[in-house]
Amino acid sequence: MAFDMQILVCLLFILVVTVSAGYDDNVLCLKSIKESLEDPEGILTSSWNFDNISEGTICRFSGVECWHPEESRVLNINLNDMGLGGSFPRGLSDCTSLTFLDLSNNRLSGMLPSDISSVLGSVVNLDLSSNNFSGEIPADFENCTYLNNLNLDNNQFQGRIPGELGGLKRLKSFSVANNHLSGPVPDFAEATSVTKDNYADNNGLSSCIEHRNGLKEIIKNDKLRFICGFIVGWVVSALVSLFLGLFCLPDWWAGAALHKYQINARCISSHAYMQRINRE
């Protein structure tokens, strides 16, 4: 009995430590963001107050949404259009349950972390548009396997779009319009909403996009023609079968029946004739 009680106490202790660690990590995450960003409009300064912090307090911060109102586990961070400056906040890595991040329409600059997946490993929607981020787009985005939407419009990114991004199976939308990108474009098999407008105003990307879109359109049209041809062929076959059933087959059956009747009539006549001869 005493041994069972010791096990129960140990399990409760582990649970408390785990919950406390998660709480501390999320608080540390937001503290790091606040300290690393320039906040000339004082939005974070006035809203993100870490004095007398308790469970659920950070869920009431401006731009912060938690999984549950009274649980300090950050789900979404939306700091859109707050006039924020500085570099990309690496402290986001402590918000391990973060799925949505919007830092768009600010004055953020510098390069994105080359190990971006270690910072935003669980993010589903990422919007960094309308800032001053520069350098190359990290190839490590390929390891952000939960990404559905990635918007990098209106920045200063240079170089090529990493081909590895084409391996993001969940990616539905991707946009890098108005940057300084060049070279080939990844083939996003699942990103059905990506068009040439998502690559507009870049050096050397437009022609690649038009060629790829044209190729996809040809493949799409070939598939459509094949499907249409199959349907038309099936309909024609069905109509021919119906025509034969309604008009040709009854005549054939009637001819076959008449032929059988004529044979039977001849047999009857021959039989009667032979009986007559036998009687005589």
Protein backbone atom coordinates (compact mmCIF):
# COMPACT_ATOMS: atom_id res chain seq x y z
CA MET A 1 0.00 0.00 0.00
CA ALA A 2 2.80 2.39 0.94
CA PHE A 3 4.60 1.52 -2.29
CA ASP A 4 1.47 2.32 -4.34
CA MET A 5 1.16 5.67 -2.56
CA GLN A 6 4.77 6.50 -3.41
CA ILE A 7 4.11 5.76 -7.10
CA LEU A 8 1.01 7.98 -7.05
CA VAL A 9 2.93 10.85 -5.44
CA CYS A 10 5.70 10.51 -8.03
CA LEU A 11 3.20 10.59 -10.90
CA LEU A 12 1.49 13.68 -9.48
CA PHE A 13 4.86 15.36 -9.05
CA ILE A 14 5.81 14.61 -12.68
CA LEU A 15 2.44 15.97 -13.87
CA VAL A 16 2.84 19.20 -11.88
CA VAL A 17 6.40 19.69 -13.12
CA THR A 18 5.35 19.07 -16.75
CA VAL A 19 2.45 21.54 -16.59
CA SER A 20 4.62 24.10 -14.81
CA ALA A 21 7.38 23.71 -17.41
CA GLY A 22 4.89 24.24 -20.24
CA TYR A 23 3.53 27.32 -18.50
CA ASP A 24 7.02 28.73 -17.93
CA ASP A 25 8.05 28.08 -21.55
CA ASN A 26 5.10 30.02 -22.98
CA VAL A 27 5.67 32.93 -20.61
CA LEU A 28 9.36 32.90 -21.55
CA CYS A 29 8.37 32.86 -25.23
CA LEU A 30 6.26 36.01 -24.98
CA LYS A 31 8.80 37.77 -22.76
CA SER A 32 11.50 37.08 -25.34
CA ILE A 33 9.31 38.42 -28.16
CA LYS A 34 8.57 41.61 -26.24
CA GLU A 35 12.23 42.18 -25.38
CA SER A 36 13.52 41.51 -28.91
CA LEU A 37 11.08 43.74 -30.81
CA GLU A 38 11.01 47.51 -31.11
CA ASP A 39 7.58 48.77 -30.04
CA PRO A 40 7.35 52.48 -30.91
CA GLU A 41 3.57 52.55 -30.56
CA GLY A 42 3.74 50.93 -27.13
CA ILE A 43 1.15 48.24 -27.90
CA LEU A 44 3.13 45.39 -26.38
CA THR A 45 4.45 47.59 -23.59
CA SER A 46 0.96 48.45 -22.40
CA SER A 47 -0.68 45.06 -22.97
CA TRP A 48 2.00 42.48 -22.23
CA ASN A 49 2.49 42.98 -18.50
CA PHE A 50 4.38 40.17 -16.78
CA ASP A 51 4.02 41.51 -13.23
CA ASN A 52 2.08 39.18 -10.91
CA ILE A 53 1.71 36.69 -13.75
CA SER A 54 -0.54 33.67 -13.14
CA GLU A 55 -2.04 30.79 -15.10
CA GLY A 56 -4.11 32.17 -17.99
CA THR A 57 -2.83 35.76 -17.72
CA ILE A 58 -0.93 35.67 -21.02
CA CYS A 59 -4.09 34.51 -22.80
CA ARG A 60 -5.47 38.03 -22.32
CA PHE A 61 -2.47 39.73 -23.93
CA SER A 62 -3.16 41.71 -27.11
CA GLY A 63 -2.72 39.48 -30.17
CA VAL A 64 -2.39 36.27 -28.14
CA GLU A 65 -4.83 33.37 -28.20
CA CYS A 66 -4.45 30.24 -26.08
CA TRP A 67 -5.74 26.73 -26.58
CA HIS A 68 -7.91 27.27 -23.49
CA PRO A 69 -8.60 30.65 -21.81
CA GLU A 70 -7.28 29.53 -18.43
CA GLU A 71 -4.36 27.49 -19.76
CA SER A 72 -1.15 29.32 -20.62
CA ARG A 73 -0.47 27.36 -23.80
CA VAL A 74 -0.24 29.73 -26.77
CA LEU A 75 -2.16 28.74 -29.90
CA ASN A 76 -2.04 31.88 -32.09
CA ILE A 77 0.01 35.06 -32.15
CA ASN A 78 -1.30 37.89 -34.32
CA LEU A 79 0.87 41.03 -34.24
CA ASN A 80 -0.28 42.35 -37.61
CA ASP A 81 0.20 46.08 -38.29
CA MET A 82 1.54 47.11 -34.89
CA GLY A 83 4.50 49.14 -36.17
CA LEU A 84 6.96 46.65 -34.71
CA GLY A 85 10.65 46.70 -35.66
CA GLY A 86 13.68 44.53 -35.11
CA SER A 87 14.64 41.06 -36.29
CA PHE A 88 12.73 37.81 -36.37
CA PRO A 89 12.14 36.78 -32.71
CA ARG A 90 13.85 33.44 -32.07
CA GLY A 91 12.13 33.24 -28.70
CA LEU A 92 9.11 31.89 -30.58
CA SER A 93 10.72 28.45 -30.26
CA ASP A 94 9.48 28.31 -26.65
CA CYS A 95 5.86 28.54 -27.83
CA THR A 96 5.91 24.87 -28.74
CA SER A 97 2.14 24.61 -29.36
CA LEU A 98 1.95 27.62 -31.69
CA THR A 99 -0.01 26.97 -34.91
CA PHE A 100 -0.66 30.49 -36.28
CA LEU A 101 1.80 33.39 -36.55
CA ASP A 102 1.06 36.72 -38.22
CA LEU A 103 3.82 39.36 -38.15
CA SER A 104 2.70 41.07 -41.37
CA ASN A 105 2.63 44.81 -42.05
CA ASN A 106 5.42 45.75 -39.64
CA ARG A 107 9.03 46.96 -39.99
CA LEU A 108 10.83 43.72 -39.21
CA SER A 109 14.13 43.19 -41.02
CA GLY A 110 17.15 40.92 -41.32
CA MET A 111 17.37 37.28 -42.31
CA LEU A 112 15.08 34.49 -41.22
CA PRO A 113 16.74 31.78 -39.10
CA SER A 114 18.35 29.11 -41.27
CA ASP A 115 16.91 26.53 -38.85
CA ILE A 116 13.40 27.98 -39.09
CA SER A 117 11.79 24.59 -38.40
CA SER A 118 13.33 24.49 -34.91
CA VAL A 119 11.61 27.80 -34.18
CA LEU A 120 8.25 27.21 -35.89
CA GLY A 121 8.05 23.43 -36.07
CA SER A 122 4.31 23.19 -35.39
CA VAL A 123 3.09 26.28 -37.26
CA VAL A 124 0.28 25.75 -39.77
CA ASN A 125 -0.25 29.32 -41.00
CA LEU A 126 2.64 31.78 -41.31
CA ASP A 127 2.32 35.35 -42.60
CA LEU A 128 5.49 37.48 -42.72
CA SER A 129 4.36 39.69 -45.61
CA SER A 130 4.94 43.44 -45.91
CA ASN A 131 8.13 43.68 -43.85
CA ASN A 132 11.79 44.17 -44.77
CA PHE A 133 13.09 40.64 -44.34
CA SER A 134 16.08 39.95 -46.59
CA GLY A 135 18.52 37.22 -47.57
CA GLU A 136 17.49 33.84 -48.91
CA ILE A 137 14.35 31.94 -48.06
CA PRO A 138 15.51 29.14 -45.72
CA ALA A 139 15.48 25.69 -47.30
CA ASP A 140 14.72 24.39 -43.80
CA PHE A 141 11.09 25.39 -44.38
CA GLU A 142 10.78 21.90 -45.84
CA ASN A 143 10.84 20.58 -42.26
CA CYS A 144 7.87 22.74 -41.24
CA THR A 145 5.71 19.84 -42.30
CA TYR A 146 2.45 21.22 -40.87
CA LEU A 147 2.51 24.36 -43.03
CA ASN A 148 -0.72 24.99 -44.94
CA ASN A 149 -0.22 28.66 -45.80
CA LEU A 150 3.05 30.57 -46.25
CA ASN A 151 2.99 34.25 -47.20
CA LEU A 152 6.30 36.07 -47.78
CA ASP A 153 4.99 38.86 -50.04
CA ASN A 154 6.49 42.35 -50.11
CA ASN A 155 9.89 41.78 -48.55
CA GLN A 156 13.50 41.92 -49.76
CA PHE A 157 14.21 38.21 -50.20
CA GLN A 158 16.88 37.34 -52.77
CA GLY A 159 18.16 34.28 -54.59
CA ARG A 160 16.18 31.20 -55.50
CA ILE A 161 13.07 29.70 -54.01
CA PRO A 162 14.31 26.46 -52.39
CA GLY A 163 13.16 23.47 -54.39
CA GLU A 164 12.75 21.60 -51.11
CA LEU A 165 9.57 23.58 -50.46
CA GLY A 166 7.88 21.53 -53.16
CA GLY A 167 7.97 18.61 -50.74
CA LEU A 168 5.55 20.27 -48.31
CA LYS A 169 2.59 17.93 -48.74
CA ARG A 170 0.13 20.03 -46.73
CA LEU A 171 0.93 23.38 -48.33
CA LYS A 172 -2.15 24.88 -50.00
CA SER A 173 -1.12 28.49 -50.59
CA PHE A 174 2.30 30.06 -51.13
CA SER A 175 3.14 33.62 -52.13
CA VAL A 176 6.42 35.51 -52.61
CA ALA A 177 5.24 38.40 -54.79
CA ASN A 178 7.29 41.61 -54.82
CA ASN A 179 10.70 40.38 -53.72
CA HIS A 180 14.03 39.99 -55.56
CA LEU A 181 13.84 36.29 -56.35
CA SER A 182 15.02 34.52 -59.49
CA GLY A 183 15.53 31.07 -60.94
CA PRO A 184 13.24 28.04 -61.17
CA VAL A 185 10.04 27.64 -59.24
CA PRO A 186 9.23 24.58 -57.10
CA ASP A 187 6.45 22.30 -58.24
CA PHE A 188 3.85 22.48 -55.49
CA ALA A 189 1.74 19.42 -56.22
CA GLU A 190 -0.83 20.15 -53.49
CA ALA A 191 -0.82 23.97 -53.56
CA THR A 192 -3.73 24.25 -55.99
CA SER A 193 -4.36 27.95 -55.33
CA VAL A 194 -0.85 29.10 -56.34
CA THR A 195 -0.89 31.22 -59.52
CA LYS A 196 1.60 33.46 -61.32
CA ASP A 197 0.27 36.42 -59.31
CA ASN A 198 1.84 34.85 -56.23
CA TYR A 199 5.26 35.29 -57.92
CA ALA A 200 4.69 38.73 -59.46
CA ASP A 201 7.38 41.44 -59.40
CA ASN A 202 10.41 39.18 -59.04
CA ASN A 203 13.44 38.90 -61.30
CA GLY A 204 13.31 35.95 -63.66
CA LEU A 205 10.37 34.08 -62.13
CA SER A 206 7.48 35.15 -64.39
CA SER A 207 8.57 33.25 -67.52
CA CYS A 208 9.17 30.11 -65.48
CA ILE A 209 5.74 30.39 -63.97
CA GLU A 210 4.01 30.94 -67.29
CA HIS A 211 5.81 27.93 -68.77
CA ARG A 212 4.92 25.71 -65.81
CA ASN A 213 1.33 26.92 -65.70
CA GLY A 214 1.06 26.30 -69.43
CA LEU A 215 2.44 22.79 -69.00
CA LYS A 216 0.00 22.09 -66.18
CA GLU A 217 -2.83 23.43 -68.34
CA ILE A 218 -1.85 21.08 -71.18
CA ILE A 219 -1.80 18.12 -68.80
CA LYS A 220 -5.11 19.22 -67.34
CA ASN A 221 -6.65 19.56 -70.81
CA ASP A 222 -5.32 16.14 -71.87
CA LYS A 223 -6.92 14.56 -68.82
CA LEU A 224 -10.15 16.41 -69.54
CA ARG A 225 -10.16 15.25 -73.16
CA PHE A 226 -9.55 11.66 -72.08
CA ILE A 227 -12.42 11.78 -69.60
CA CYS A 228 -14.75 13.41 -72.15
CA GLY A 229 -13.77 10.82 -74.80
CA PHE A 230 -14.46 7.99 -72.39
CA ILE A 231 -17.88 9.41 -71.49
CA VAL A 232 -18.83 10.01 -75.14
CA GLY A 233 -17.72 6.48 -76.10
CA TRP A 234 -19.74 4.98 -73.27
CA VAL A 235 -22.86 6.98 -74.23
CA VAL A 236 -22.54 6.00 -77.91
CA SER A 237 -22.12 2.33 -76.97
CA ALA A 238 -25.18 2.52 -74.75
CA LEU A 239 -27.27 4.16 -77.50
CA VAL A 240 -26.19 1.56 -80.08
CA SER A 241 -27.10 -1.24 -77.69
CA LEU A 242 -30.46 0.39 -77.03
CA PHE A 243 -31.14 0.80 -80.77
CA LEU A 244 -30.31 -2.84 -81.45
CA GLY A 245 -32.51 -3.91 -78.58
CA LEU A 246 -35.51 -1.88 -79.72
CA PHE A 247 -35.37 -2.30 -83.50
CA CYS A 248 -32.96 -4.92 -84.78
CA LEU A 249 -33.17 -7.77 -82.30
CA PRO A 250 -36.99 -8.17 -82.43
CA ASP A 251 -36.79 -8.58 -86.22
CA TRP A 252 -34.04 -11.14 -85.85
CA TRP A 253 -36.05 -13.02 -83.24
CA ALA A 254 -39.10 -12.92 -85.54
CA GLY A 255 -37.03 -14.24 -88.48
CA ALA A 256 -35.61 -17.01 -86.34
CA ALA A 257 -39.10 -17.98 -85.14
CA LEU A 258 -40.46 -18.01 -88.73
CA HIS A 259 -37.58 -20.14 -89.90
CA LYS A 260 -38.22 -22.60 -87.07
CA TYR A 261 -41.96 -22.66 -87.98
CA GLN A 262 -41.17 -23.36 -91.62
CA ILE A 263 -38.91 -26.28 -90.68
CA ASN A 264 -41.56 -27.71 -88.36
CA ALA A 265 -44.21 -27.36 -91.13
CA ARG A 266 -42.01 -29.26 -93.56
CA CYS A 267 -41.45 -32.01 -91.01
CA ILE A 268 -45.20 -32.35 -90.38
CA SER A 269 -45.96 -32.47 -94.12
CA SER A 270 -43.30 -35.14 -94.71
CA HIS A 271 -44.60 -37.23 -91.83
CA ALA A 272 -48.18 -37.08 -93.14
CA TYR A 273 -47.04 -38.03 -96.63
CA MET A 274 -45.15 -41.09 -95.34
CA GLN A 275 -48.16 -42.25 -93.32
CA ARG A 276 -50.33 -41.98 -96.44
CA ILE A 277 -47.92 -44.10 -98.47
CA ASN A 278 -47.84 -46.73 -95.78
CA ARG A 279 -51.63 -47.01 -95.74
CA GLU A 280 -51.77 -47.46 -99.48
